[in-house]
Amino acid sequence: MRTLSTSIYLAADVGVPTEVEPAGTSLENPYVYDSVARDLKAMEGEGLLRIVDEHLREGRSDAPIDRLRFVRLR
């Protein structure tokens, strides 16, 4: 069974900036969005993607992520 973050990664086109959209999905829950965003950030560490934009909900480093855009590398 695929995780939501893996499904988002696989649906993205290689080399194209992809916005992680919360509307109409379970990502509308800010805690789910934050969890998926952190999973995607871990994929960056594996060299699968590059984060090109990230916004934290309250601007603090420990705040939930509420916007993320990435580029799939492979």
Protein backbone atom coordinates (compact mmCIF):
# COMPACT_ATOMS: atom_id res chain seq x y z
CA MET A 1 0.00 0.00 0.00
CA ARG A 2 1.43 3.38 -1.04
CA THR A 3 1.66 6.29 1.31
CA LEU A 4 0.07 9.57 0.32
CA SER A 5 3.49 11.18 -0.05
CA THR A 6 4.66 8.38 -2.38
CA SER A 7 1.50 8.76 -4.49
CA ILE A 8 2.07 12.52 -4.80
CA TYR A 9 5.71 11.93 -5.77
CA LEU A 10 4.84 9.32 -8.39
CA ALA A 11 2.09 11.51 -9.89
CA ALA A 12 4.53 14.42 -10.39
CA ASP A 13 6.26 14.90 -13.73
CA VAL A 14 10.07 14.83 -13.67
CA GLY A 15 11.55 18.33 -13.78
CA VAL A 16 8.23 20.15 -13.33
CA PRO A 17 7.50 22.16 -10.16
CA THR A 18 4.59 20.48 -8.36
CA GLU A 19 2.47 22.18 -5.70
CA VAL A 20 1.14 19.85 -3.01
CA GLU A 21 -2.54 20.84 -3.13
CA PRO A 22 -4.68 20.25 -0.04
CA ALA A 23 -8.11 21.04 -1.52
CA GLY A 24 -10.52 18.14 -1.86
CA THR A 25 -8.27 15.56 -0.19
CA SER A 26 -7.29 14.37 3.27
CA LEU A 27 -4.53 17.00 3.02
CA GLU A 28 -7.13 19.61 4.05
CA ASN A 29 -6.29 18.57 7.60
CA PRO A 30 -3.23 20.70 8.49
CA TYR A 31 -1.63 17.87 10.48
CA VAL A 32 -1.95 15.43 7.59
CA TYR A 33 -0.50 18.04 5.20
CA ASP A 34 2.43 18.65 7.55
CA SER A 35 3.12 14.93 7.85
CA VAL A 36 3.07 14.41 4.08
CA ALA A 37 5.26 17.50 3.56
CA ARG A 38 7.80 16.14 6.04
CA ASP A 39 7.78 12.77 4.24
CA LEU A 40 8.48 14.58 0.97
CA LYS A 41 11.31 16.51 2.63
CA ALA A 42 12.80 13.16 3.66
CA MET A 43 12.62 12.07 0.01
CA GLU A 44 14.72 15.13 -0.81
CA GLY A 45 17.42 13.65 1.43
CA GLU A 46 17.27 10.49 -0.69
CA GLY A 47 17.85 12.51 -3.87
CA LEU A 48 14.39 11.82 -5.29
CA LEU A 49 13.19 15.42 -5.37
CA ARG A 50 14.16 19.00 -4.60
CA ILE A 51 12.04 21.30 -2.45
CA VAL A 52 11.66 24.65 -4.26
CA ASP A 53 9.19 26.39 -1.92
CA GLU A 54 8.09 25.78 1.63
CA HIS A 55 5.96 27.84 3.97
CA LEU A 56 5.53 27.24 7.68
CA ARG A 57 2.13 27.99 9.13
CA GLU A 58 3.25 30.49 11.75
CA GLY A 59 6.68 31.33 10.37
CA ARG A 60 8.48 29.50 13.18
CA SER A 61 10.87 26.63 12.49
CA ASP A 62 8.78 24.25 14.64
CA ALA A 63 5.43 25.24 13.08
CA PRO A 64 3.50 22.93 10.73
CA ILE A 65 4.25 23.17 7.03
CA ASP A 66 1.21 24.54 5.19
CA ARG A 67 2.60 24.95 1.66
CA LEU A 68 5.15 22.92 -0.26
CA ARG A 69 6.30 22.82 -3.86
CA PHE A 70 8.88 20.37 -5.19
CA VAL A 71 10.54 19.19 -8.38
CA ARG A 72 10.80 15.46 -8.99
CA LEU A 73 14.36 14.56 -10.03
CA ARG A 74 13.84 10.95 -11.15
